[in-house]
Amino acid sequence: MMRAMVFGGVLLLAGCGEATPRPVVAPPPVTRPISTTGLERVMGQNAAELTRTFGAPDADVREGSARKLQFKGPICVLDTYLYPAKSGGEPTVTYVDTRQPDGRPIDRASCVAALARRGGGK
């Protein structure tokens, strides 16, 4: 009899728990806007304006309507990505990426300033 009572108590307690675990819902990712402070010489510029600022590009890569102009200096490498506006028109810079010559990261605005000091020449 005692065994039946213990077994009944266990069954009774088992019914108190939730049958299926609740799914864990991860919070949405936080997107941080990429700052363009210090990039005024680059953002929105076309290829001719970039060439006036930094000199002839070290690389000019085209893929479809997109274009990447790369400028290198002793301090850093600047990749500028030019895309046409949705309404058409001349491609302008919408994104930039920078790195040190060995591939380590560098502040984008610092790289732009360093390359612009070259006076449009190498």
PDB file of N, CA and C in Angstrom:
ATOM      1  N   MET A   1       0.817  -1.182   0.000  1.00  0.00           N
ATOM      2  CA  MET A   1       0.000   0.000   0.000  1.00  0.00           C
ATOM      3  C   MET A   1       0.873   1.262   0.000  1.00  0.00           C
ATOM      4  N   MET A   2       1.905   1.217   0.816  1.00  0.00           N
ATOM      5  CA  MET A   2       2.804   2.355   0.889  1.00  0.00           C
ATOM      6  C   MET A   2       3.440   2.621  -0.470  1.00  0.00           C
ATOM      7  N   ARG A   3       3.775   1.558  -1.153  1.00  0.00           N
ATOM      8  CA  ARG A   3       4.357   1.721  -2.485  1.00  0.00           C
ATOM      9  C   ARG A   3       3.379   2.398  -3.428  1.00  0.00           C
ATOM     10  N   ALA A   4       2.140   2.058  -3.358  1.00  0.00           N
ATOM     11  CA  ALA A   4       1.119   2.653  -4.224  1.00  0.00           C
ATOM     12  C   ALA A   4       0.963   4.127  -3.930  1.00  0.00           C
ATOM     13  N   MET A   5       1.067   4.519  -2.676  1.00  0.00           N
ATOM     14  CA  MET A   5       0.936   5.930  -2.310  1.00  0.00           C
ATOM     15  C   MET A   5       2.144   6.724  -2.830  1.00  0.00           C
ATOM     16  N   VAL A   6       3.338   6.168  -2.689  1.00  0.00           N
ATOM     17  CA  VAL A   6       4.540   6.843  -3.188  1.00  0.00           C
ATOM     18  C   VAL A   6       4.463   6.985  -4.698  1.00  0.00           C
ATOM     19  N   PHE A   7       4.086   5.912  -5.367  1.00  0.00           N
ATOM     20  CA  PHE A   7       3.970   5.939  -6.824  1.00  0.00           C
ATOM     21  C   PHE A   7       2.908   6.950  -7.258  1.00  0.00           C
ATOM     22  N   GLY A   8       1.803   6.997  -6.553  1.00  0.00           N
ATOM     23  CA  GLY A   8       0.744   7.963  -6.864  1.00  0.00           C
ATOM     24  C   GLY A   8       1.218   9.389  -6.662  1.00  0.00           C
ATOM     25  N   GLY A   9       2.000   9.615  -5.584  1.00  0.00           N
ATOM     26  CA  GLY A   9       2.532  10.945  -5.342  1.00  0.00           C
ATOM     27  C   GLY A   9       3.492  11.392  -6.436  1.00  0.00           C
ATOM     28  N   VAL A  10       4.300  10.465  -6.900  1.00  0.00           N
ATOM     29  CA  VAL A  10       5.230  10.776  -7.990  1.00  0.00           C
ATOM     30  C   VAL A  10       4.461  11.140  -9.241  1.00  0.00           C
ATOM     31  N   LEU A  11       3.425  10.382  -9.556  1.00  0.00           N
ATOM     32  CA  LEU A  11       2.602  10.688 -10.733  1.00  0.00           C
ATOM     33  C   LEU A  11       1.918  12.041 -10.590  1.00  0.00           C
ATOM     34  N   LEU A  12       1.459  12.319  -9.388  1.00  0.00           N
ATOM     35  CA  LEU A  12       0.785  13.587  -9.145  1.00  0.00           C
ATOM     36  C   LEU A  12       1.754  14.760  -9.355  1.00  0.00           C
ATOM     37  N   LEU A  13       2.973  14.637  -8.832  1.00  0.00           N
ATOM     38  CA  LEU A  13       3.973  15.687  -9.014  1.00  0.00           C
ATOM     39  C   LEU A  13       4.416  15.807 -10.468  1.00  0.00           C
ATOM     40  N   ALA A  14       4.471  14.711 -11.177  1.00  0.00           N
ATOM     41  CA  ALA A  14       4.868  14.747 -12.586  1.00  0.00           C
ATOM     42  C   ALA A  14       3.884  15.549 -13.412  1.00  0.00           C
ATOM     43  N   GLY A  15       2.645  15.573 -13.030  1.00  0.00           N
ATOM     44  CA  GLY A  15       1.633  16.326 -13.759  1.00  0.00           C
ATOM     45  C   GLY A  15       1.746  17.816 -13.559  1.00  0.00           C
ATOM     46  N   CYS A  16       2.527  18.263 -12.584  1.00  0.00           N
ATOM     47  CA  CYS A  16       2.662  19.694 -12.315  1.00  0.00           C
ATOM     48  C   CYS A  16       3.579  20.392 -13.309  1.00  0.00           C
ATOM     49  N   GLY A  17       4.460  19.672 -13.931  1.00  0.00           N
ATOM     50  CA  GLY A  17       5.409  20.276 -14.862  1.00  0.00           C
ATOM     51  C   GLY A  17       4.772  20.517 -16.219  1.00  0.00           C
ATOM     52  N   GLU A  18       5.453  21.321 -17.023  1.00  0.00           N
ATOM     53  CA  GLU A  18       4.981  21.610 -18.369  1.00  0.00           C
ATOM     54  C   GLU A  18       5.406  20.465 -19.286  1.00  0.00           C
ATOM     55  N   ALA A  19       4.528  20.052 -20.182  1.00  0.00           N
ATOM     56  CA  ALA A  19       4.787  18.902 -21.038  1.00  0.00           C
ATOM     57  C   ALA A  19       5.850  19.209 -22.093  1.00  0.00           C
ATOM     58  N   THR A  20       5.774  20.365 -22.712  1.00  0.00           N
ATOM     59  CA  THR A  20       6.738  20.692 -23.763  1.00  0.00           C
ATOM     60  C   THR A  20       7.502  21.957 -23.372  1.00  0.00           C
ATOM     61  N   PRO A  21       8.784  21.967 -23.581  1.00  0.00           N
ATOM     62  CA  PRO A  21       9.555  23.168 -23.231  1.00  0.00           C
ATOM     63  C   PRO A  21       9.217  24.315 -24.179  1.00  0.00           C
ATOM     64  N   ARG A  22       9.250  25.504 -23.649  1.00  0.00           N
ATOM     65  CA  ARG A  22       8.977  26.678 -24.484  1.00  0.00           C
ATOM     66  C   ARG A  22      10.206  26.963 -25.347  1.00  0.00           C
ATOM     67  N   PRO A  23       9.991  27.311 -26.598  1.00  0.00           N
ATOM     68  CA  PRO A  23      11.150  27.613 -27.443  1.00  0.00           C
ATOM     69  C   PRO A  23      11.823  28.909 -26.980  1.00  0.00           C
ATOM     70  N   VAL A  24      13.122  28.929 -27.081  1.00  0.00           N
ATOM     71  CA  VAL A  24      13.891  30.116 -26.725  1.00  0.00           C
ATOM     72  C   VAL A  24      13.875  31.048 -27.927  1.00  0.00           C
ATOM     73  N   VAL A  25      13.424  32.255 -27.700  1.00  0.00           N
ATOM     74  CA  VAL A  25      13.361  33.241 -28.773  1.00  0.00           C
ATOM     75  C   VAL A  25      14.487  34.240 -28.563  1.00  0.00           C
ATOM     76  N   ALA A  26      15.387  34.282 -29.520  1.00  0.00           N
ATOM     77  CA  ALA A  26      16.516  35.207 -29.440  1.00  0.00           C
ATOM     78  C   ALA A  26      16.046  36.606 -29.793  1.00  0.00           C
ATOM     79  N   PRO A  27      16.582  37.612 -29.122  1.00  0.00           N
ATOM     80  CA  PRO A  27      16.207  38.983 -29.484  1.00  0.00           C
ATOM     81  C   PRO A  27      16.740  39.318 -30.872  1.00  0.00           C
ATOM     82  N   PRO A  28      16.071  40.229 -31.558  1.00  0.00           N
ATOM     83  CA  PRO A  28      16.554  40.588 -32.900  1.00  0.00           C
ATOM     84  C   PRO A  28      17.940  41.201 -32.817  1.00  0.00           C
ATOM     85  N   PRO A  29      18.765  40.998 -33.854  1.00  0.00           N
ATOM     86  CA  PRO A  29      20.112  41.567 -33.823  1.00  0.00           C
ATOM     87  C   PRO A  29      20.062  43.087 -33.834  1.00  0.00           C
ATOM     88  N   VAL A  30      20.993  43.667 -33.148  1.00  0.00           N
ATOM     89  CA  VAL A  30      21.080  45.119 -33.099  1.00  0.00           C
ATOM     90  C   VAL A  30      21.969  45.563 -34.241  1.00  0.00           C
ATOM     91  N   THR A  31      21.434  46.399 -35.104  1.00  0.00           N
ATOM     92  CA  THR A  31      22.234  46.909 -36.212  1.00  0.00           C
ATOM     93  C   THR A  31      22.722  48.304 -35.853  1.00  0.00           C
ATOM     94  N   ARG A  32      24.030  48.446 -35.888  1.00  0.00           N
ATOM     95  CA  ARG A  32      24.623  49.745 -35.622  1.00  0.00           C
ATOM     96  C   ARG A  32      24.893  50.428 -36.948  1.00  0.00           C
ATOM     97  N   PRO A  33      24.447  51.650 -37.090  1.00  0.00           N
ATOM     98  CA  PRO A  33      24.761  52.348 -38.339  1.00  0.00           C
ATOM     99  C   PRO A  33      26.261  52.584 -38.432  1.00  0.00           C
ATOM    100  N   ILE A  34      26.776  52.462 -39.641  1.00  0.00           N
ATOM    101  CA  ILE A  34      28.201  52.693 -39.862  1.00  0.00           C
ATOM    102  C   ILE A  34      28.404  54.195 -40.015  1.00  0.00           C
ATOM    103  N   SER A  35      29.255  54.730 -39.192  1.00  0.00           N
ATOM    104  CA  SER A  35      29.504  56.168 -39.208  1.00  0.00           C
ATOM    105  C   SER A  35      30.245  56.576 -40.479  1.00  0.00           C
ATOM    106  N   THR A  36      29.843  57.704 -41.034  1.00  0.00           N
ATOM    107  CA  THR A  36      30.536  58.248 -42.199  1.00  0.00           C
ATOM    108  C   THR A  36      31.280  59.530 -41.833  1.00  0.00           C
ATOM    109  N   THR A  37      31.407  59.796 -40.535  1.00  0.00           N
ATOM    110  CA  THR A  37      32.142  60.975 -40.092  1.00  0.00           C
ATOM    111  C   THR A  37      33.589  60.872 -40.551  1.00  0.00           C
ATOM    112  N   GLY A  38      34.063  61.919 -41.168  1.00  0.00           N
ATOM    113  CA  GLY A  38      35.434  61.944 -41.677  1.00  0.00           C
ATOM    114  C   GLY A  38      35.561  61.385 -43.086  1.00  0.00           C
ATOM    115  N   LEU A  39      34.458  60.937 -43.648  1.00  0.00           N
ATOM    116  CA  LEU A  39      34.488  60.350 -44.997  1.00  0.00           C
ATOM    117  C   LEU A  39      33.848  61.268 -46.035  1.00  0.00           C
ATOM    118  N   GLU A  40      33.682  62.531 -45.689  1.00  0.00           N
ATOM    119  CA  GLU A  40      33.008  63.464 -46.590  1.00  0.00           C
ATOM    120  C   GLU A  40      33.729  63.620 -47.929  1.00  0.00           C
ATOM    121  N   ARG A  41      35.053  63.426 -47.943  1.00  0.00           N
ATOM    122  CA  ARG A  41      35.821  63.529 -49.193  1.00  0.00           C
ATOM    123  C   ARG A  41      35.556  62.361 -50.127  1.00  0.00           C
ATOM    124  N   VAL A  42      34.899  61.324 -49.601  1.00  0.00           N
ATOM    125  CA  VAL A  42      34.734  60.092 -50.372  1.00  0.00           C
ATOM    126  C   VAL A  42      33.263  59.771 -50.660  1.00  0.00           C
ATOM    127  N   MET A  43      32.445  59.748 -49.629  1.00  0.00           N
ATOM    128  CA  MET A  43      31.058  59.320 -49.791  1.00  0.00           C
ATOM    129  C   MET A  43      30.320  60.232 -50.782  1.00  0.00           C
ATOM    130  N   GLY A  44      29.624  59.607 -51.733  1.00  0.00           N
ATOM    131  CA  GLY A  44      28.857  60.346 -52.724  1.00  0.00           C
ATOM    132  C   GLY A  44      29.680  60.887 -53.880  1.00  0.00           C
ATOM    133  N   GLN A  45      30.983  60.652 -53.891  1.00  0.00           N
ATOM    134  CA  GLN A  45      31.848  61.163 -54.954  1.00  0.00           C
ATOM    135  C   GLN A  45      31.852  60.209 -56.148  1.00  0.00           C
ATOM    136  N   ASN A  46      32.084  60.752 -57.337  1.00  0.00           N
ATOM    137  CA  ASN A  46      32.198  59.902 -58.528  1.00  0.00           C
ATOM    138  C   ASN A  46      33.684  59.595 -58.772  1.00  0.00           C
ATOM    139  N   ALA A  47      33.965  58.811 -59.790  1.00  0.00           N
ATOM    140  CA  ALA A  47      35.336  58.374 -60.064  1.00  0.00           C
ATOM    141  C   ALA A  47      36.263  59.549 -60.359  1.00  0.00           C
ATOM    142  N   ALA A  48      35.796  60.534 -61.101  1.00  0.00           N
ATOM    143  CA  ALA A  48      36.638  61.691 -61.440  1.00  0.00           C
ATOM    144  C   ALA A  48      37.016  62.474 -60.186  1.00  0.00           C
ATOM    145  N   GLU A  49      36.051  62.649 -59.280  1.00  0.00           N
ATOM    146  CA  GLU A  49      36.336  63.379 -58.043  1.00  0.00           C
ATOM    147  C   GLU A  49      37.323  62.611 -57.162  1.00  0.00           C
ATOM    148  N   LEU A  50      37.189  61.283 -57.124  1.00  0.00           N
ATOM    149  CA  LEU A  50      38.132  60.474 -56.353  1.00  0.00           C
ATOM    150  C   LEU A  50      39.542  60.594 -56.917  1.00  0.00           C
ATOM    151  N   THR A  51      39.657  60.591 -58.226  1.00  0.00           N
ATOM    152  CA  THR A  51      40.967  60.700 -58.879  1.00  0.00           C
ATOM    153  C   THR A  51      41.595  62.057 -58.595  1.00  0.00           C
ATOM    154  N   ARG A  52      40.787  63.107 -58.565  1.00  0.00           N
ATOM    155  CA  ARG A  52      41.322  64.440 -58.226  1.00  0.00           C
ATOM    156  C   ARG A  52      41.829  64.464 -56.779  1.00  0.00           C
ATOM    157  N   THR A  53      41.160  63.752 -55.900  1.00  0.00           N
ATOM    158  CA  THR A  53      41.527  63.756 -54.485  1.00  0.00           C
ATOM    159  C   THR A  53      42.709  62.852 -54.182  1.00  0.00           C
ATOM    160  N   PHE A  54      42.713  61.642 -54.765  1.00  0.00           N
ATOM    161  CA  PHE A  54      43.706  60.633 -54.395  1.00  0.00           C
ATOM    162  C   PHE A  54      44.703  60.283 -55.495  1.00  0.00           C
ATOM    163  N   GLY A  55      44.547  60.810 -56.696  1.00  0.00           N
ATOM    164  CA  GLY A  55      45.403  60.433 -57.813  1.00  0.00           C
ATOM    165  C   GLY A  55      44.822  59.220 -58.531  1.00  0.00           C
ATOM    166  N   ALA A  56      45.579  58.686 -59.451  1.00  0.00           N
ATOM    167  CA  ALA A  56      45.114  57.528 -60.229  1.00  0.00           C
ATOM    168  C   ALA A  56      44.928  56.326 -59.302  1.00  0.00           C
ATOM    169  N   PRO A  57      43.852  55.580 -59.489  1.00  0.00           N
ATOM    170  CA  PRO A  57      43.626  54.413 -58.624  1.00  0.00           C
ATOM    171  C   PRO A  57      44.661  53.319 -58.899  1.00  0.00           C
ATOM    172  N   ASP A  58      44.955  52.548 -57.874  1.00  0.00           N
ATOM    173  CA  ASP A  58      45.870  51.415 -58.012  1.00  0.00           C
ATOM    174  C   ASP A  58      45.157  50.197 -58.567  1.00  0.00           C
ATOM    175  N   ALA A  59      43.841  50.180 -58.464  1.00  0.00           N
ATOM    176  CA  ALA A  59      43.021  49.105 -59.048  1.00  0.00           C
ATOM    177  C   ALA A  59      41.683  49.697 -59.439  1.00  0.00           C
ATOM    178  N   ASP A  60      41.161  49.230 -60.565  1.00  0.00           N
ATOM    179  CA  ASP A  60      39.853  49.664 -61.057  1.00  0.00           C
ATOM    180  C   ASP A  60      39.121  48.403 -61.505  1.00  0.00           C
ATOM    181  N   VAL A  61      38.179  47.954 -60.696  1.00  0.00           N
ATOM    182  CA  VAL A  61      37.469  46.701 -60.944  1.00  0.00           C
ATOM    183  C   VAL A  61      36.006  47.002 -61.226  1.00  0.00           C
ATOM    184  N   ARG A  62      35.499  46.453 -62.322  1.00  0.00           N
ATOM    185  CA  ARG A  62      34.082  46.647 -62.674  1.00  0.00           C
ATOM    186  C   ARG A  62      33.378  45.297 -62.678  1.00  0.00           C
ATOM    187  N   GLU A  63      32.173  45.313 -62.143  1.00  0.00           N
ATOM    188  CA  GLU A  63      31.333  44.118 -62.161  1.00  0.00           C
ATOM    189  C   GLU A  63      29.898  44.585 -62.363  1.00  0.00           C
ATOM    190  N   GLY A  64      29.388  44.357 -63.553  1.00  0.00           N
ATOM    191  CA  GLY A  64      28.060  44.868 -63.883  1.00  0.00           C
ATOM    192  C   GLY A  64      28.084  46.380 -63.833  1.00  0.00           C
ATOM    193  N   SER A  65      27.123  46.963 -63.113  1.00  0.00           N
ATOM    194  CA  SER A  65      27.076  48.423 -62.988  1.00  0.00           C
ATOM    195  C   SER A  65      27.876  48.924 -61.790  1.00  0.00           C
ATOM    196  N   ALA A  66      28.453  48.014 -61.012  1.00  0.00           N
ATOM    197  CA  ALA A  66      29.249  48.400 -59.841  1.00  0.00           C
ATOM    198  C   ALA A  66      30.711  48.588 -60.234  1.00  0.00           C
ATOM    199  N   ARG A  67      31.412  49.379 -59.435  1.00  0.00           N
ATOM    200  CA  ARG A  67      32.825  49.644 -59.698  1.00  0.00           C
ATOM    201  C   ARG A  67      33.559  49.812 -58.369  1.00  0.00           C
ATOM    202  N   LYS A  68      34.757  49.264 -58.289  1.00  0.00           N
ATOM    203  CA  LYS A  68      35.593  49.446 -57.103  1.00  0.00           C
ATOM    204  C   LYS A  68      36.881  50.118 -57.540  1.00  0.00           C
ATOM    205  N   LEU A  69      37.182  51.237 -56.903  1.00  0.00           N
ATOM    206  CA  LEU A  69      38.456  51.913 -57.105  1.00  0.00           C
ATOM    207  C   LEU A  69      39.263  51.746 -55.822  1.00  0.00           C
ATOM    208  N   GLN A  70      40.505  51.311 -55.986  1.00  0.00           N
ATOM    209  CA  GLN A  70      41.370  51.091 -54.832  1.00  0.00           C
ATOM    210  C   GLN A  70      42.535  52.060 -54.886  1.00  0.00           C
ATOM    211  N   PHE A  71      42.833  52.652 -53.722  1.00  0.00           N
ATOM    212  CA  PHE A  71      43.945  53.591 -53.591  1.00  0.00           C
ATOM    213  C   PHE A  71      44.850  53.085 -52.470  1.00  0.00           C
ATOM    214  N   LYS A  72      46.154  53.017 -52.763  1.00  0.00           N
ATOM    215  CA  LYS A  72      47.118  52.504 -51.785  1.00  0.00           C
ATOM    216  C   LYS A  72      48.109  53.584 -51.404  1.00  0.00           C
ATOM    217  N   GLY A  73      48.524  53.536 -50.159  1.00  0.00           N
ATOM    218  CA  GLY A  73      49.561  54.418 -49.658  1.00  0.00           C
ATOM    219  C   GLY A  73      50.410  53.647 -48.664  1.00  0.00           C
ATOM    220  N   PRO A  74      51.426  54.272 -48.115  1.00  0.00           N
ATOM    221  CA  PRO A  74      52.290  53.566 -47.160  1.00  0.00           C
ATOM    222  C   PRO A  74      51.579  53.234 -45.847  1.00  0.00           C
ATOM    223  N   ILE A  75      50.513  53.956 -45.547  1.00  0.00           N
ATOM    224  CA  ILE A  75      49.806  53.755 -44.279  1.00  0.00           C
ATOM    225  C   ILE A  75      48.616  52.816 -44.428  1.00  0.00           C
ATOM    226  N   CYS A  76      47.931  52.874 -45.569  1.00  0.00           N
ATOM    227  CA  CYS A  76      46.693  52.096 -45.689  1.00  0.00           C
ATOM    228  C   CYS A  76      46.278  51.876 -47.144  1.00  0.00           C
ATOM    229  N   VAL A  77      45.256  51.043 -47.267  1.00  0.00           N
ATOM    230  CA  VAL A  77      44.616  50.754 -48.557  1.00  0.00           C
ATOM    231  C   VAL A  77      43.155  51.152 -48.414  1.00  0.00           C
ATOM    232  N   LEU A  78      42.655  51.896 -49.388  1.00  0.00           N
ATOM    233  CA  LEU A  78      41.272  52.364 -49.397  1.00  0.00           C
ATOM    234  C   LEU A  78      40.543  51.745 -50.579  1.00  0.00           C
ATOM    235  N   ASP A  79      39.463  51.022 -50.309  1.00  0.00           N
ATOM    236  CA  ASP A  79      38.596  50.496 -51.361  1.00  0.00           C
ATOM    237  C   ASP A  79      37.323  51.318 -51.361  1.00  0.00           C
ATOM    238  N   THR A  80      36.998  51.910 -52.508  1.00  0.00           N
ATOM    239  CA  THR A  80      35.766  52.681 -52.642  1.00  0.00           C
ATOM    240  C   THR A  80      34.841  51.927 -53.591  1.00  0.00           C
ATOM    241  N   TYR A  81      33.587  51.805 -53.201  1.00  0.00           N
ATOM    242  CA  TYR A  81      32.607  51.060 -53.997  1.00  0.00           C
ATOM    243  C   TYR A  81      31.584  52.033 -54.550  1.00  0.00           C
ATOM    244  N   LEU A  82      31.527  52.092 -55.872  1.00  0.00           N
ATOM    245  CA  LEU A  82      30.646  53.034 -56.551  1.00  0.00           C
ATOM    246  C   LEU A  82      29.486  52.276 -57.196  1.00  0.00           C
ATOM    247  N   TYR A  83      28.276  52.785 -56.982  1.00  0.00           N
ATOM    248  CA  TYR A  83      27.072  52.199 -57.557  1.00  0.00           C
ATOM    249  C   TYR A  83      26.227  53.312 -58.137  1.00  0.00           C
ATOM    250  N   PRO A  84      25.522  53.033 -59.246  1.00  0.00           N
ATOM    251  CA  PRO A  84      24.639  54.060 -59.806  1.00  0.00           C
ATOM    252  C   PRO A  84      23.418  54.250 -58.903  1.00  0.00           C
ATOM    253  N   ALA A  85      22.861  55.443 -58.944  1.00  0.00           N
ATOM    254  CA  ALA A  85      21.629  55.709 -58.196  1.00  0.00           C
ATOM    255  C   ALA A  85      20.504  54.861 -58.779  1.00  0.00           C
ATOM    256  N   LYS A  86      19.470  54.629 -58.001  1.00  0.00           N
ATOM    257  CA  LYS A  86      18.350  53.803 -58.468  1.00  0.00           C
ATOM    258  C   LYS A  86      17.712  54.389 -59.717  1.00  0.00           C
ATOM    259  N   SER A  87      17.774  55.700 -59.839  1.00  0.00           N
ATOM    260  CA  SER A  87      17.200  56.358 -61.014  1.00  0.00           C
ATOM    261  C   SER A  87      18.184  56.417 -62.169  1.00  0.00           C
ATOM    262  N   GLY A  88      19.303  55.727 -62.032  1.00  0.00           N
ATOM    263  CA  GLY A  88      20.341  55.768 -63.058  1.00  0.00           C
ATOM    264  C   GLY A  88      21.346  56.845 -62.734  1.00  0.00           C
ATOM    265  N   GLY A  89      22.111  57.213 -63.707  1.00  0.00           N
ATOM    266  CA  GLY A  89      23.105  58.259 -63.475  1.00  0.00           C
ATOM    267  C   GLY A  89      24.479  57.694 -63.206  1.00  0.00           C
ATOM    268  N   GLU A  90      25.408  58.595 -62.972  1.00  0.00           N
ATOM    269  CA  GLU A  90      26.801  58.218 -62.768  1.00  0.00           C
ATOM    270  C   GLU A  90      26.977  57.530 -61.412  1.00  0.00           C
ATOM    271  N   PRO A  91      27.758  56.463 -61.395  1.00  0.00           N
ATOM    272  CA  PRO A  91      28.006  55.771 -60.115  1.00  0.00           C
ATOM    273  C   PRO A  91      28.759  56.674 -59.124  1.00  0.00           C
ATOM    274  N   THR A  92      28.370  56.589 -57.867  1.00  0.00           N
ATOM    275  CA  THR A  92      29.026  57.329 -56.803  1.00  0.00           C
ATOM    276  C   THR A  92      29.337  56.379 -55.647  1.00  0.00           C
ATOM    277  N   VAL A  93      30.231  56.806 -54.774  1.00  0.00           N
ATOM    278  CA  VAL A  93      30.651  55.974 -53.645  1.00  0.00           C
ATOM    279  C   VAL A  93      29.506  55.849 -52.646  1.00  0.00           C
ATOM    280  N   THR A  94      29.183  54.602 -52.331  1.00  0.00           N
ATOM    281  CA  THR A  94      28.168  54.338 -51.315  1.00  0.00           C
ATOM    282  C   THR A  94      28.760  53.574 -50.127  1.00  0.00           C
ATOM    283  N   TYR A  95      29.964  53.033 -50.279  1.00  0.00           N
ATOM    284  CA  TYR A  95      30.602  52.289 -49.194  1.00  0.00           C
ATOM    285  C   TYR A  95      32.104  52.337 -49.378  1.00  0.00           C
ATOM    286  N   VAL A  96      32.838  52.374 -48.269  1.00  0.00           N
ATOM    287  CA  VAL A  96      34.301  52.312 -48.306  1.00  0.00           C
ATOM    288  C   VAL A  96      34.793  51.282 -47.300  1.00  0.00           C
ATOM    289  N   ASP A  97      35.937  50.701 -47.609  1.00  0.00           N
ATOM    290  CA  ASP A  97      36.581  49.751 -46.715  1.00  0.00           C
ATOM    291  C   ASP A  97      38.054  50.124 -46.664  1.00  0.00           C
ATOM    292  N   THR A  98      38.665  49.978 -45.501  1.00  0.00           N
ATOM    293  CA  THR A  98      40.073  50.320 -45.348  1.00  0.00           C
ATOM    294  C   THR A  98      40.798  49.231 -44.569  1.00  0.00           C
ATOM    295  N   ARG A  99      42.111  49.203 -44.757  1.00  0.00           N
ATOM    296  CA  ARG A  99      42.969  48.285 -44.007  1.00  0.00           C
ATOM    297  C   ARG A  99      44.398  48.778 -44.124  1.00  0.00           C
ATOM    298  N   GLN A 100      45.228  48.320 -43.225  1.00  0.00           N
ATOM    299  CA  GLN A 100      46.649  48.613 -43.307  1.00  0.00           C
ATOM    300  C   GLN A 100      47.237  47.719 -44.394  1.00  0.00           C
ATOM    301  N   PRO A 101      48.413  48.040 -44.922  1.00  0.00           N
ATOM    302  CA  PRO A 101      48.997  47.219 -45.990  1.00  0.00           C
ATOM    303  C   PRO A 101      49.150  45.741 -45.616  1.00  0.00           C
ATOM    304  N   ASP A 102      49.316  45.443 -44.318  1.00  0.00           N
ATOM    305  CA  ASP A 102      49.450  44.041 -43.906  1.00  0.00           C
ATOM    306  C   ASP A 102      48.104  43.383 -43.615  1.00  0.00           C
ATOM    307  N   GLY A 103      47.007  44.113 -43.847  1.00  0.00           N
ATOM    308  CA  GLY A 103      45.664  43.544 -43.680  1.00  0.00           C
ATOM    309  C   GLY A 103      44.997  43.855 -42.357  1.00  0.00           C
ATOM    310  N   ARG A 104      45.740  44.396 -41.402  1.00  0.00           N
ATOM    311  CA  ARG A 104      45.127  44.738 -40.112  1.00  0.00           C
ATOM    312  C   ARG A 104      44.167  45.911 -40.297  1.00  0.00           C
ATOM    313  N   PRO A 105      43.141  46.021 -39.432  1.00  0.00           N
ATOM    314  CA  PRO A 105      42.175  47.113 -39.568  1.00  0.00           C
ATOM    315  C   PRO A 105      42.792  48.476 -39.273  1.00  0.00           C
ATOM    316  N   ILE A 106      42.183  49.497 -39.846  1.00  0.00           N
ATOM    317  CA  ILE A 106      42.569  50.888 -39.583  1.00  0.00           C
ATOM    318  C   ILE A 106      41.289  51.714 -39.686  1.00  0.00           C
ATOM    319  N   ASP A 107      41.240  52.783 -38.935  1.00  0.00           N
ATOM    320  CA  ASP A 107      40.091  53.683 -38.963  1.00  0.00           C
ATOM    321  C   ASP A 107      39.904  54.240 -40.379  1.00  0.00           C
ATOM    322  N   ARG A 108      38.678  54.188 -40.864  1.00  0.00           N
ATOM    323  CA  ARG A 108      38.411  54.614 -42.246  1.00  0.00           C
ATOM    324  C   ARG A 108      38.728  56.084 -42.470  1.00  0.00           C
ATOM    325  N   ALA A 109      38.307  56.948 -41.538  1.00  0.00           N
ATOM    326  CA  ALA A 109      38.549  58.385 -41.710  1.00  0.00           C
ATOM    327  C   ALA A 109      40.046  58.696 -41.679  1.00  0.00           C
ATOM    328  N   SER A 110      40.802  57.997 -40.843  1.00  0.00           N
ATOM    329  CA  SER A 110      42.255  58.213 -40.787  1.00  0.00           C
ATOM    330  C   SER A 110      42.916  57.838 -42.095  1.00  0.00           C
ATOM    331  N   CYS A 111      42.467  56.753 -42.692  1.00  0.00           N
ATOM    332  CA  CYS A 111      43.026  56.316 -43.969  1.00  0.00           C
ATOM    333  C   CYS A 111      42.717  57.340 -45.063  1.00  0.00           C
ATOM    334  N   VAL A 112      41.487  57.802 -45.117  1.00  0.00           N
ATOM    335  CA  VAL A 112      41.106  58.802 -46.126  1.00  0.00           C
ATOM    336  C   VAL A 112      41.961  60.051 -45.963  1.00  0.00           C
ATOM    337  N   ALA A 113      42.138  60.508 -44.727  1.00  0.00           N
ATOM    338  CA  ALA A 113      42.942  61.708 -44.482  1.00  0.00           C
ATOM    339  C   ALA A 113      44.394  61.488 -44.906  1.00  0.00           C
ATOM    340  N   ALA A 114      44.951  60.328 -44.599  1.00  0.00           N
ATOM    341  CA  ALA A 114      46.340  60.038 -44.952  1.00  0.00           C
ATOM    342  C   ALA A 114      46.526  60.002 -46.469  1.00  0.00           C
ATOM    343  N   LEU A 115      45.598  59.382 -47.172  1.00  0.00           N
ATOM    344  CA  LEU A 115      45.716  59.294 -48.627  1.00  0.00           C
ATOM    345  C   LEU A 115      45.465  60.652 -49.287  1.00  0.00           C
ATOM    346  N   ALA A 116      44.572  61.446 -48.744  1.00  0.00           N
ATOM    347  CA  ALA A 116      44.279  62.757 -49.323  1.00  0.00           C
ATOM    348  C   ALA A 116      45.472  63.698 -49.167  1.00  0.00           C
ATOM    349  N   ARG A 117      46.271  63.500 -48.137  1.00  0.00           N
ATOM    350  CA  ARG A 117      47.458  64.345 -47.924  1.00  0.00           C
ATOM    351  C   ARG A 117      48.504  64.125 -49.008  1.00  0.00           C
ATOM    352  N   ARG A 118      48.362  63.035 -49.765  1.00  0.00           N
ATOM    353  CA  ARG A 118      49.313  62.800 -50.842  1.00  0.00           C
ATOM    354  C   ARG A 118      49.176  63.863 -51.934  1.00  0.00           C
ATOM    355  N   GLY A 119      48.121  64.664 -51.860  1.00  0.00           N
ATOM    356  CA  GLY A 119      47.933  65.738 -52.836  1.00  0.00           C
ATOM    357  C   GLY A 119      47.559  65.249 -54.213  1.00  0.00           C
ATOM    358  N   GLY A 120      46.842  64.122 -54.281  1.00  0.00           N
ATOM    359  CA  GLY A 120      46.408  63.616 -55.574  1.00  0.00           C
ATOM    360  C   GLY A 120      47.516  62.886 -56.312  1.00  0.00           C
ATOM    361  N   GLY A 121      48.652  62.717 -55.702  1.00  0.00           N
ATOM    362  CA  GLY A 121      49.741  62.000 -56.351  1.00  0.00           C
ATOM    363  C   GLY A 121      50.322  60.967 -55.438  1.00  0.00           C
ATOM    364  N   LYS A 122      51.100  60.107 -55.974  1.00  0.00           N
ATOM    365  CA  LYS A 122      51.655  58.993 -55.202  1.00  0.00           C
ATOM    366  C   LYS A 122      52.970  59.403 -54.560  1.00  0.00           C
TER     367      LYS A 122
END
